[in-house]
ModelCIF file with pLDDT and N, C-alpha, C, O atoms, coordinates in Angstrom:
data_MODEL
#
_entry.id   MODEL 
#
_entity.id                         1 
_entity.type                       polymer 
_entity.pdbx_number_of_molecules   1 
#
_entity_poly.entity_id                      1 
_entity_poly.type                           'polypeptide(L)' 
_entity_poly.nstd_linkage                   no 
_entity_poly.nstd_monomer                   no 
_entity_poly.pdbx_seq_one_letter_code       FDAAYQGLDSIHKAREAAATNPTLNDVGRLLVVAEFAEKKQLSITRG 
_entity_poly.pdbx_seq_one_letter_code_can   FDAAYQGLDSIHKAREAAATNPTLNDVGRLLVVAEFAEKKQLSITRG 
_entity_poly.pdbx_strand_id                 A 
#
loop_
_entity_poly_seq.entity_id 
_entity_poly_seq.num 
_entity_poly_seq.mon_id 
_entity_poly_seq.hetero 
1 1  PHE n 
1 2  ASP n 
1 3  ALA n 
1 4  ALA n 
1 5  TYR n 
1 6  GLN n 
1 7  GLY n 
1 8  LEU n 
1 9  ASP n 
1 10 SER n 
1 11 ILE n 
1 12 HIS n 
1 13 LYS n 
1 14 ALA n 
1 15 ARG n 
1 16 GLU n 
1 17 ALA n 
1 18 ALA n 
1 19 ALA n 
1 20 THR n 
1 21 ASN n 
1 22 PRO n 
1 23 THR n 
1 24 LEU n 
1 25 ASN n 
1 26 ASP n 
1 27 VAL n 
1 28 GLY n 
1 29 ARG n 
1 30 LEU n 
1 31 LEU n 
1 32 VAL n 
1 33 VAL n 
1 34 ALA n 
1 35 GLU n 
1 36 PHE n 
1 37 ALA n 
1 38 GLU n 
1 39 LYS n 
1 40 LYS n 
1 41 GLN n 
1 42 LEU n 
1 43 SER n 
1 44 ILE n 
1 45 THR n 
1 46 ARG n 
1 47 GLY n 
#
_struct_asym.id          A 
_struct_asym.entity_id   1 
#
loop_
_ma_qa_metric.id 
_ma_qa_metric.mode 
_ma_qa_metric.name 
_ma_qa_metric.software_group_id 
_ma_qa_metric.type 
1 global pLDDT . pLDDT 
2 local  pLDDT . pLDDT 
#
_ma_qa_metric_global.metric_id      1 
_ma_qa_metric_global.metric_value   95.62 
_ma_qa_metric_global.model_id       1 
_ma_qa_metric_global.ordinal_id     1 
#
loop_
_ma_qa_metric_local.label_asym_id 
_ma_qa_metric_local.label_comp_id 
_ma_qa_metric_local.label_seq_id 
_ma_qa_metric_local.metric_id 
_ma_qa_metric_local.metric_value 
_ma_qa_metric_local.model_id 
_ma_qa_metric_local.ordinal_id 
A PHE 1  2 95.00 1 1  
A ASP 2  2 95.00 1 2  
A ALA 3  2 95.00 1 3  
A ALA 4  2 95.00 1 4  
A TYR 5  2 95.00 1 5  
A GLN 6  2 95.00 1 6  
A GLY 7  2 96.00 1 7  
A LEU 8  2 96.00 1 8  
A ASP 9  2 96.00 1 9  
A SER 10 2 96.00 1 10 
A ILE 11 2 96.00 1 11 
A HIS 12 2 96.00 1 12 
A LYS 13 2 96.00 1 13 
A ALA 14 2 96.00 1 14 
A ARG 15 2 96.00 1 15 
A GLU 16 2 95.00 1 16 
A ALA 17 2 96.00 1 17 
A ALA 18 2 96.00 1 18 
A ALA 19 2 95.00 1 19 
A THR 20 2 95.00 1 20 
A ASN 21 2 94.00 1 21 
A PRO 22 2 94.00 1 22 
A THR 23 2 95.00 1 23 
A LEU 24 2 94.00 1 24 
A ASN 25 2 95.00 1 25 
A ASP 26 2 94.00 1 26 
A VAL 27 2 96.00 1 27 
A GLY 28 2 96.00 1 28 
A ARG 29 2 96.00 1 29 
A LEU 30 2 96.00 1 30 
A LEU 31 2 97.00 1 31 
A VAL 32 2 96.00 1 32 
A VAL 33 2 97.00 1 33 
A ALA 34 2 97.00 1 34 
A GLU 35 2 97.00 1 35 
A PHE 36 2 97.00 1 36 
A ALA 37 2 97.00 1 37 
A GLU 38 2 97.00 1 38 
A LYS 39 2 95.00 1 39 
A LYS 40 2 96.00 1 40 
A GLN 41 2 96.00 1 41 
A LEU 42 2 95.00 1 42 
A SER 43 2 94.00 1 43 
A ILE 44 2 95.00 1 44 
A THR 45 2 96.00 1 45 
A ARG 46 2 96.00 1 46 
A GLY 47 2 95.00 1 47 
#
loop_
_atom_site.group_PDB 
_atom_site.id 
_atom_site.type_symbol 
_atom_site.label_atom_id 
_atom_site.label_alt_id 
_atom_site.label_comp_id 
_atom_site.label_asym_id 
_atom_site.label_entity_id 
_atom_site.label_seq_id 
_atom_site.pdbx_PDB_ins_code 
_atom_site.Cartn_x 
_atom_site.Cartn_y 
_atom_site.Cartn_z 
_atom_site.occupancy 
_atom_site.B_iso_or_equiv 
_atom_site.pdbx_formal_charge 
_atom_site.auth_seq_id 
_atom_site.auth_comp_id 
_atom_site.auth_asym_id 
_atom_site.auth_atom_id 
_atom_site.pdbx_PDB_model_num 
ATOM 1   N N  . PHE A 1 1  ? 107.170 130.155 115.632 1.00 95.00 ? 1  PHE A N  1 
ATOM 2   C CA . PHE A 1 1  ? 107.117 130.030 116.980 1.00 95.00 ? 1  PHE A CA 1 
ATOM 3   C C  . PHE A 1 1  ? 107.253 129.291 118.120 1.00 95.00 ? 1  PHE A C  1 
ATOM 4   O O  . PHE A 1 1  ? 107.493 129.713 119.251 1.00 95.00 ? 1  PHE A O  1 
ATOM 5   N N  . ASP A 1 2  ? 107.033 127.807 117.645 1.00 95.00 ? 2  ASP A N  1 
ATOM 6   C CA . ASP A 1 2  ? 107.434 126.662 118.470 1.00 95.00 ? 2  ASP A CA 1 
ATOM 7   C C  . ASP A 1 2  ? 109.011 126.383 118.009 1.00 95.00 ? 2  ASP A C  1 
ATOM 8   O O  . ASP A 1 2  ? 109.793 126.158 118.932 1.00 95.00 ? 2  ASP A O  1 
ATOM 9   N N  . ALA A 1 3  ? 109.457 126.380 116.856 1.00 95.00 ? 3  ALA A N  1 
ATOM 10  C CA . ALA A 1 3  ? 110.947 126.179 116.649 1.00 95.00 ? 3  ALA A CA 1 
ATOM 11  C C  . ALA A 1 3  ? 111.934 127.124 117.197 1.00 95.00 ? 3  ALA A C  1 
ATOM 12  O O  . ALA A 1 3  ? 113.089 126.782 117.452 1.00 95.00 ? 3  ALA A O  1 
ATOM 13  N N  . ALA A 1 4  ? 111.282 128.824 117.456 1.00 95.00 ? 4  ALA A N  1 
ATOM 14  C CA . ALA A 1 4  ? 112.151 129.674 117.785 1.00 95.00 ? 4  ALA A CA 1 
ATOM 15  C C  . ALA A 1 4  ? 112.127 129.404 119.429 1.00 95.00 ? 4  ALA A C  1 
ATOM 16  O O  . ALA A 1 4  ? 113.203 129.553 120.009 1.00 95.00 ? 4  ALA A O  1 
ATOM 17  N N  . TYR A 1 5  ? 111.042 129.042 120.160 1.00 95.00 ? 5  TYR A N  1 
ATOM 18  C CA . TYR A 1 5  ? 111.007 129.064 121.678 1.00 95.00 ? 5  TYR A CA 1 
ATOM 19  C C  . TYR A 1 5  ? 111.680 127.960 121.993 1.00 95.00 ? 5  TYR A C  1 
ATOM 20  O O  . TYR A 1 5  ? 112.542 128.187 122.842 1.00 95.00 ? 5  TYR A O  1 
ATOM 21  N N  . GLN A 1 6  ? 111.612 126.633 121.570 1.00 95.00 ? 6  GLN A N  1 
ATOM 22  C CA . GLN A 1 6  ? 112.697 125.635 121.875 1.00 95.00 ? 6  GLN A CA 1 
ATOM 23  C C  . GLN A 1 6  ? 113.778 125.709 121.558 1.00 95.00 ? 6  GLN A C  1 
ATOM 24  O O  . GLN A 1 6  ? 114.610 125.210 122.316 1.00 95.00 ? 6  GLN A O  1 
ATOM 25  N N  . GLY A 1 7  ? 114.295 126.448 120.138 1.00 96.00 ? 7  GLY A N  1 
ATOM 26  C CA . GLY A 1 7  ? 115.456 126.792 120.060 1.00 96.00 ? 7  GLY A CA 1 
ATOM 27  C C  . GLY A 1 7  ? 116.510 127.910 120.934 1.00 96.00 ? 7  GLY A C  1 
ATOM 28  O O  . GLY A 1 7  ? 117.706 127.834 121.214 1.00 96.00 ? 7  GLY A O  1 
ATOM 29  N N  . LEU A 1 8  ? 115.655 128.772 121.161 1.00 96.00 ? 8  LEU A N  1 
ATOM 30  C CA . LEU A 1 8  ? 116.273 129.493 122.355 1.00 96.00 ? 8  LEU A CA 1 
ATOM 31  C C  . LEU A 1 8  ? 116.471 128.963 123.911 1.00 96.00 ? 8  LEU A C  1 
ATOM 32  O O  . LEU A 1 8  ? 117.291 129.383 124.728 1.00 96.00 ? 8  LEU A O  1 
ATOM 33  N N  . ASP A 1 9  ? 115.586 128.026 124.066 1.00 96.00 ? 9  ASP A N  1 
ATOM 34  C CA . ASP A 1 9  ? 115.693 127.137 125.323 1.00 96.00 ? 9  ASP A CA 1 
ATOM 35  C C  . ASP A 1 9  ? 116.833 126.308 124.781 1.00 96.00 ? 9  ASP A C  1 
ATOM 36  O O  . ASP A 1 9  ? 117.695 126.215 125.655 1.00 96.00 ? 9  ASP A O  1 
ATOM 37  N N  . SER A 1 10 ? 117.146 125.713 123.751 1.00 96.00 ? 10 SER A N  1 
ATOM 38  C CA . SER A 1 10 ? 118.411 124.787 123.623 1.00 96.00 ? 10 SER A CA 1 
ATOM 39  C C  . SER A 1 10 ? 119.686 125.497 123.617 1.00 96.00 ? 10 SER A C  1 
ATOM 40  O O  . SER A 1 10 ? 120.707 124.812 123.682 1.00 96.00 ? 10 SER A O  1 
ATOM 41  N N  . ILE A 1 11 ? 119.813 127.191 123.527 1.00 96.00 ? 11 ILE A N  1 
ATOM 42  C CA . ILE A 1 11 ? 120.815 127.732 123.405 1.00 96.00 ? 11 ILE A CA 1 
ATOM 43  C C  . ILE A 1 11 ? 121.113 128.108 124.965 1.00 96.00 ? 11 ILE A C  1 
ATOM 44  O O  . ILE A 1 11 ? 122.273 128.362 125.287 1.00 96.00 ? 11 ILE A O  1 
ATOM 45  N N  . HIS A 1 12 ? 120.074 128.142 125.927 1.00 96.00 ? 12 HIS A N  1 
ATOM 46  C CA . HIS A 1 12 ? 120.429 128.438 127.201 1.00 96.00 ? 12 HIS A CA 1 
ATOM 47  C C  . HIS A 1 12 ? 120.811 127.365 127.552 1.00 96.00 ? 12 HIS A C  1 
ATOM 48  O O  . HIS A 1 12 ? 121.946 127.462 128.018 1.00 96.00 ? 12 HIS A O  1 
ATOM 49  N N  . LYS A 1 13 ? 120.290 125.990 127.569 1.00 96.00 ? 13 LYS A N  1 
ATOM 50  C CA . LYS A 1 13 ? 120.556 124.801 128.018 1.00 96.00 ? 13 LYS A CA 1 
ATOM 51  C C  . LYS A 1 13 ? 122.165 124.492 127.496 1.00 96.00 ? 13 LYS A C  1 
ATOM 52  O O  . LYS A 1 13 ? 122.963 123.743 128.060 1.00 96.00 ? 13 LYS A O  1 
ATOM 53  N N  . ALA A 1 14 ? 122.357 125.148 126.479 1.00 96.00 ? 14 ALA A N  1 
ATOM 54  C CA . ALA A 1 14 ? 123.865 124.729 125.756 1.00 96.00 ? 14 ALA A CA 1 
ATOM 55  C C  . ALA A 1 14 ? 124.757 125.406 127.005 1.00 96.00 ? 14 ALA A C  1 
ATOM 56  O O  . ALA A 1 14 ? 125.496 124.862 127.825 1.00 96.00 ? 14 ALA A O  1 
ATOM 57  N N  . ARG A 1 15 ? 124.380 126.855 126.813 1.00 96.00 ? 15 ARG A N  1 
ATOM 58  C CA . ARG A 1 15 ? 125.391 127.655 127.614 1.00 96.00 ? 15 ARG A CA 1 
ATOM 59  C C  . ARG A 1 15 ? 125.307 127.116 129.381 1.00 96.00 ? 15 ARG A C  1 
ATOM 60  O O  . ARG A 1 15 ? 126.290 127.344 130.086 1.00 96.00 ? 15 ARG A O  1 
ATOM 61  N N  . GLU A 1 16 ? 124.335 126.558 129.858 1.00 95.00 ? 16 GLU A N  1 
ATOM 62  C CA . GLU A 1 16 ? 124.388 125.603 131.039 1.00 95.00 ? 16 GLU A CA 1 
ATOM 63  C C  . GLU A 1 16 ? 125.280 124.766 131.022 1.00 95.00 ? 16 GLU A C  1 
ATOM 64  O O  . GLU A 1 16 ? 126.157 124.810 131.884 1.00 95.00 ? 16 GLU A O  1 
ATOM 65  N N  . ALA A 1 17 ? 125.281 123.939 130.186 1.00 96.00 ? 17 ALA A N  1 
ATOM 66  C CA . ALA A 1 17 ? 126.201 122.635 130.108 1.00 96.00 ? 17 ALA A CA 1 
ATOM 67  C C  . ALA A 1 17 ? 127.677 123.043 129.651 1.00 96.00 ? 17 ALA A C  1 
ATOM 68  O O  . ALA A 1 17 ? 128.690 122.502 130.094 1.00 96.00 ? 17 ALA A O  1 
ATOM 69  N N  . ALA A 1 18 ? 127.665 123.875 128.886 1.00 96.00 ? 18 ALA A N  1 
ATOM 70  C CA . ALA A 1 18 ? 128.729 124.690 128.722 1.00 96.00 ? 18 ALA A CA 1 
ATOM 71  C C  . ALA A 1 18 ? 129.869 125.235 130.023 1.00 96.00 ? 18 ALA A C  1 
ATOM 72  O O  . ALA A 1 18 ? 131.091 125.151 130.140 1.00 96.00 ? 18 ALA A O  1 
ATOM 73  N N  . ALA A 1 19 ? 128.936 125.732 130.759 1.00 95.00 ? 19 ALA A N  1 
ATOM 74  C CA . ALA A 1 19 ? 129.485 126.467 132.151 1.00 95.00 ? 19 ALA A CA 1 
ATOM 75  C C  . ALA A 1 19 ? 129.792 125.256 132.952 1.00 95.00 ? 19 ALA A C  1 
ATOM 76  O O  . ALA A 1 19 ? 130.540 125.562 133.881 1.00 95.00 ? 19 ALA A O  1 
ATOM 77  N N  . THR A 1 20 ? 129.472 123.905 132.937 1.00 95.00 ? 20 THR A N  1 
ATOM 78  C CA . THR A 1 20 ? 130.105 122.881 133.889 1.00 95.00 ? 20 THR A CA 1 
ATOM 79  C C  . THR A 1 20 ? 131.140 122.267 133.195 1.00 95.00 ? 20 THR A C  1 
ATOM 80  O O  . THR A 1 20 ? 131.785 121.447 133.847 1.00 95.00 ? 20 THR A O  1 
ATOM 81  N N  . ASN A 1 21 ? 131.557 122.505 131.707 1.00 94.00 ? 21 ASN A N  1 
ATOM 82  C CA . ASN A 1 21 ? 132.449 121.606 131.295 1.00 94.00 ? 21 ASN A CA 1 
ATOM 83  C C  . ASN A 1 21 ? 133.944 122.037 131.871 1.00 94.00 ? 21 ASN A C  1 
ATOM 84  O O  . ASN A 1 21 ? 134.280 123.201 131.654 1.00 94.00 ? 21 ASN A O  1 
ATOM 85  N N  . PRO A 1 22 ? 134.896 121.150 132.615 1.00 94.00 ? 22 PRO A N  1 
ATOM 86  C CA . PRO A 1 22 ? 135.762 121.567 133.156 1.00 94.00 ? 22 PRO A CA 1 
ATOM 87  C C  . PRO A 1 22 ? 136.991 121.612 131.929 1.00 94.00 ? 22 PRO A C  1 
ATOM 88  O O  . PRO A 1 22 ? 138.082 122.133 132.160 1.00 94.00 ? 22 PRO A O  1 
ATOM 89  N N  . THR A 1 23 ? 136.752 121.175 130.990 1.00 95.00 ? 23 THR A N  1 
ATOM 90  C CA . THR A 1 23 ? 137.888 121.141 129.593 1.00 95.00 ? 23 THR A CA 1 
ATOM 91  C C  . THR A 1 23 ? 138.128 122.398 129.138 1.00 95.00 ? 23 THR A C  1 
ATOM 92  O O  . THR A 1 23 ? 139.236 122.674 128.678 1.00 95.00 ? 23 THR A O  1 
ATOM 93  N N  . LEU A 1 24 ? 137.008 123.430 129.214 1.00 94.00 ? 24 LEU A N  1 
ATOM 94  C CA . LEU A 1 24 ? 136.694 124.748 128.601 1.00 94.00 ? 24 LEU A CA 1 
ATOM 95  C C  . LEU A 1 24 ? 137.051 125.849 129.676 1.00 94.00 ? 24 LEU A C  1 
ATOM 96  O O  . LEU A 1 24 ? 136.971 125.736 130.900 1.00 94.00 ? 24 LEU A O  1 
ATOM 97  N N  . ASN A 1 25 ? 137.459 126.931 128.942 1.00 95.00 ? 25 ASN A N  1 
ATOM 98  C CA . ASN A 1 25 ? 137.964 127.936 129.910 1.00 95.00 ? 25 ASN A CA 1 
ATOM 99  C C  . ASN A 1 25 ? 136.898 128.990 129.430 1.00 95.00 ? 25 ASN A C  1 
ATOM 100 O O  . ASN A 1 25 ? 136.065 128.597 128.613 1.00 95.00 ? 25 ASN A O  1 
ATOM 101 N N  . ASP A 1 26 ? 136.850 130.310 129.871 1.00 94.00 ? 26 ASP A N  1 
ATOM 102 C CA . ASP A 1 26 ? 135.516 131.174 129.746 1.00 94.00 ? 26 ASP A CA 1 
ATOM 103 C C  . ASP A 1 26 ? 135.653 131.570 128.108 1.00 94.00 ? 26 ASP A C  1 
ATOM 104 O O  . ASP A 1 26 ? 134.573 131.901 127.620 1.00 94.00 ? 26 ASP A O  1 
ATOM 105 N N  . VAL A 1 27 ? 136.649 131.587 127.301 1.00 96.00 ? 27 VAL A N  1 
ATOM 106 C CA . VAL A 1 27 ? 136.969 131.932 125.921 1.00 96.00 ? 27 VAL A CA 1 
ATOM 107 C C  . VAL A 1 27 ? 136.410 130.777 125.409 1.00 96.00 ? 27 VAL A C  1 
ATOM 108 O O  . VAL A 1 27 ? 135.527 130.908 124.562 1.00 96.00 ? 27 VAL A O  1 
ATOM 109 N N  . GLY A 1 28 ? 136.738 129.712 125.743 1.00 96.00 ? 28 GLY A N  1 
ATOM 110 C CA . GLY A 1 28 ? 136.364 128.598 125.024 1.00 96.00 ? 28 GLY A CA 1 
ATOM 111 C C  . GLY A 1 28 ? 134.764 128.219 125.058 1.00 96.00 ? 28 GLY A C  1 
ATOM 112 O O  . GLY A 1 28 ? 134.226 127.819 124.025 1.00 96.00 ? 28 GLY A O  1 
ATOM 113 N N  . ARG A 1 29 ? 134.046 128.355 126.247 1.00 96.00 ? 29 ARG A N  1 
ATOM 114 C CA . ARG A 1 29 ? 132.770 127.792 126.553 1.00 96.00 ? 29 ARG A CA 1 
ATOM 115 C C  . ARG A 1 29 ? 132.010 129.211 125.653 1.00 96.00 ? 29 ARG A C  1 
ATOM 116 O O  . ARG A 1 29 ? 131.045 128.813 125.000 1.00 96.00 ? 29 ARG A O  1 
ATOM 117 N N  . LEU A 1 30 ? 132.174 130.211 125.556 1.00 96.00 ? 30 LEU A N  1 
ATOM 118 C CA . LEU A 1 30 ? 131.737 131.269 124.893 1.00 96.00 ? 30 LEU A CA 1 
ATOM 119 C C  . LEU A 1 30 ? 131.673 131.010 123.497 1.00 96.00 ? 30 LEU A C  1 
ATOM 120 O O  . LEU A 1 30 ? 130.740 131.445 122.823 1.00 96.00 ? 30 LEU A O  1 
ATOM 121 N N  . LEU A 1 31 ? 132.887 130.123 122.863 1.00 97.00 ? 31 LEU A N  1 
ATOM 122 C CA . LEU A 1 31 ? 132.991 130.134 121.506 1.00 97.00 ? 31 LEU A CA 1 
ATOM 123 C C  . LEU A 1 31 ? 131.867 128.932 121.341 1.00 97.00 ? 31 LEU A C  1 
ATOM 124 O O  . LEU A 1 31 ? 130.917 128.930 120.558 1.00 97.00 ? 31 LEU A O  1 
ATOM 125 N N  . VAL A 1 32 ? 132.221 127.953 122.254 1.00 96.00 ? 32 VAL A N  1 
ATOM 126 C CA . VAL A 1 32 ? 131.317 126.603 121.828 1.00 96.00 ? 32 VAL A CA 1 
ATOM 127 C C  . VAL A 1 32 ? 129.573 127.281 121.583 1.00 96.00 ? 32 VAL A C  1 
ATOM 128 O O  . VAL A 1 32 ? 129.050 127.171 120.473 1.00 96.00 ? 32 VAL A O  1 
ATOM 129 N N  . VAL A 1 33 ? 128.896 127.890 122.639 1.00 97.00 ? 33 VAL A N  1 
ATOM 130 C CA . VAL A 1 33 ? 127.577 128.435 122.826 1.00 97.00 ? 33 VAL A CA 1 
ATOM 131 C C  . VAL A 1 33 ? 127.455 129.236 121.282 1.00 97.00 ? 33 VAL A C  1 
ATOM 132 O O  . VAL A 1 33 ? 126.581 128.942 120.467 1.00 97.00 ? 33 VAL A O  1 
ATOM 133 N N  . ALA A 1 34 ? 128.371 130.165 121.079 1.00 97.00 ? 34 ALA A N  1 
ATOM 134 C CA . ALA A 1 34 ? 128.234 131.025 120.263 1.00 97.00 ? 34 ALA A CA 1 
ATOM 135 C C  . ALA A 1 34 ? 127.983 130.300 118.791 1.00 97.00 ? 34 ALA A C  1 
ATOM 136 O O  . ALA A 1 34 ? 127.188 130.768 117.976 1.00 97.00 ? 34 ALA A O  1 
ATOM 137 N N  . GLU A 1 35 ? 128.699 129.192 118.571 1.00 97.00 ? 35 GLU A N  1 
ATOM 138 C CA . GLU A 1 35 ? 128.679 128.163 117.423 1.00 97.00 ? 35 GLU A CA 1 
ATOM 139 C C  . GLU A 1 35 ? 127.407 127.681 117.350 1.00 97.00 ? 35 GLU A C  1 
ATOM 140 O O  . GLU A 1 35 ? 126.816 127.732 116.271 1.00 97.00 ? 35 GLU A O  1 
ATOM 141 N N  . PHE A 1 36 ? 126.886 127.220 118.319 1.00 97.00 ? 36 PHE A N  1 
ATOM 142 C CA . PHE A 1 36 ? 125.429 126.333 118.820 1.00 97.00 ? 36 PHE A CA 1 
ATOM 143 C C  . PHE A 1 36 ? 124.359 127.099 118.268 1.00 97.00 ? 36 PHE A C  1 
ATOM 144 O O  . PHE A 1 36 ? 123.433 126.766 117.528 1.00 97.00 ? 36 PHE A O  1 
ATOM 145 N N  . ALA A 1 37 ? 124.768 128.520 118.931 1.00 97.00 ? 37 ALA A N  1 
ATOM 146 C CA . ALA A 1 37 ? 123.447 129.526 118.675 1.00 97.00 ? 37 ALA A CA 1 
ATOM 147 C C  . ALA A 1 37 ? 123.689 130.185 117.119 1.00 97.00 ? 37 ALA A C  1 
ATOM 148 O O  . ALA A 1 37 ? 122.758 130.806 116.605 1.00 97.00 ? 37 ALA A O  1 
ATOM 149 N N  . GLU A 1 38 ? 124.693 130.058 116.555 1.00 97.00 ? 38 GLU A N  1 
ATOM 150 C CA . GLU A 1 38 ? 124.690 130.421 115.522 1.00 97.00 ? 38 GLU A CA 1 
ATOM 151 C C  . GLU A 1 38 ? 123.467 129.745 114.391 1.00 97.00 ? 38 GLU A C  1 
ATOM 152 O O  . GLU A 1 38 ? 122.571 130.255 113.719 1.00 97.00 ? 38 GLU A O  1 
ATOM 153 N N  . LYS A 1 39 ? 123.981 128.299 114.599 1.00 95.00 ? 39 LYS A N  1 
ATOM 154 C CA . LYS A 1 39 ? 123.194 127.380 113.872 1.00 95.00 ? 39 LYS A CA 1 
ATOM 155 C C  . LYS A 1 39 ? 121.703 127.214 114.037 1.00 95.00 ? 39 LYS A C  1 
ATOM 156 O O  . LYS A 1 39 ? 120.899 126.942 113.145 1.00 95.00 ? 39 LYS A O  1 
ATOM 157 N N  . LYS A 1 40 ? 121.489 127.395 115.170 1.00 96.00 ? 40 LYS A N  1 
ATOM 158 C CA . LYS A 1 40 ? 120.037 127.749 115.760 1.00 96.00 ? 40 LYS A CA 1 
ATOM 159 C C  . LYS A 1 40 ? 119.490 129.069 115.336 1.00 96.00 ? 40 LYS A C  1 
ATOM 160 O O  . LYS A 1 40 ? 118.319 129.052 114.959 1.00 96.00 ? 40 LYS A O  1 
ATOM 161 N N  . GLN A 1 41 ? 120.071 130.119 115.328 1.00 96.00 ? 41 GLN A N  1 
ATOM 162 C CA . GLN A 1 41 ? 119.700 131.306 114.906 1.00 96.00 ? 41 GLN A CA 1 
ATOM 163 C C  . GLN A 1 41 ? 119.495 131.439 113.472 1.00 96.00 ? 41 GLN A C  1 
ATOM 164 O O  . GLN A 1 41 ? 118.604 132.248 113.217 1.00 96.00 ? 41 GLN A O  1 
ATOM 165 N N  . LEU A 1 42 ? 120.069 130.869 112.392 1.00 95.00 ? 42 LEU A N  1 
ATOM 166 C CA . LEU A 1 42 ? 119.935 130.492 111.233 1.00 95.00 ? 42 LEU A CA 1 
ATOM 167 C C  . LEU A 1 42 ? 118.648 129.628 110.815 1.00 95.00 ? 42 LEU A C  1 
ATOM 168 O O  . LEU A 1 42 ? 117.874 129.811 109.876 1.00 95.00 ? 42 LEU A O  1 
ATOM 169 N N  . SER A 1 43 ? 118.659 128.766 111.667 1.00 94.00 ? 43 SER A N  1 
ATOM 170 C CA . SER A 1 43 ? 117.060 127.839 111.238 1.00 94.00 ? 43 SER A CA 1 
ATOM 171 C C  . SER A 1 43 ? 115.957 128.914 112.313 1.00 94.00 ? 43 SER A C  1 
ATOM 172 O O  . SER A 1 43 ? 114.806 129.032 111.895 1.00 94.00 ? 43 SER A O  1 
ATOM 173 N N  . ILE A 1 44 ? 116.140 129.295 112.993 1.00 95.00 ? 44 ILE A N  1 
ATOM 174 C CA . ILE A 1 44 ? 115.137 130.199 113.475 1.00 95.00 ? 44 ILE A CA 1 
ATOM 175 C C  . ILE A 1 44 ? 114.475 131.317 112.784 1.00 95.00 ? 44 ILE A C  1 
ATOM 176 O O  . ILE A 1 44 ? 113.315 131.722 112.855 1.00 95.00 ? 44 ILE A O  1 
ATOM 177 N N  . THR A 1 45 ? 115.624 131.775 112.007 1.00 96.00 ? 45 THR A N  1 
ATOM 178 C CA . THR A 1 45 ? 114.921 132.971 111.325 1.00 96.00 ? 45 THR A CA 1 
ATOM 179 C C  . THR A 1 45 ? 114.917 132.714 109.892 1.00 96.00 ? 45 THR A C  1 
ATOM 180 O O  . THR A 1 45 ? 114.933 133.657 109.101 1.00 96.00 ? 45 THR A O  1 
ATOM 181 N N  . ARG A 1 46 ? 114.894 131.409 109.473 1.00 96.00 ? 46 ARG A N  1 
ATOM 182 C CA . ARG A 1 46 ? 114.504 130.843 107.945 1.00 96.00 ? 46 ARG A CA 1 
ATOM 183 C C  . ARG A 1 46 ? 113.197 130.443 108.486 1.00 96.00 ? 46 ARG A C  1 
ATOM 184 O O  . ARG A 1 46 ? 112.274 130.633 107.695 1.00 96.00 ? 46 ARG A O  1 
ATOM 185 N N  . GLY A 1 47 ? 112.828 129.870 109.776 1.00 95.00 ? 47 GLY A N  1 
ATOM 186 C CA . GLY A 1 47 ? 111.336 129.823 109.789 1.00 95.00 ? 47 GLY A CA 1 
ATOM 187 C C  . GLY A 1 47 ? 110.593 130.639 109.766 1.00 95.00 ? 47 GLY A C  1 
ATOM 188 O O  . GLY A 1 47 ? 109.390 130.379 109.784 1.00 95.00 ? 47 GLY A O  1 
#
């Protein structure tokens, strides 16, 4: 539960950080966050 809670929080923080990155367009932000979230999801579900 701790890993899931912290992992989901880190995904939200990654989304917020990507939103402020001027080098990324909407699609780029989505892809960066999706890649990060996929790694977190795998770790969370294994736990």
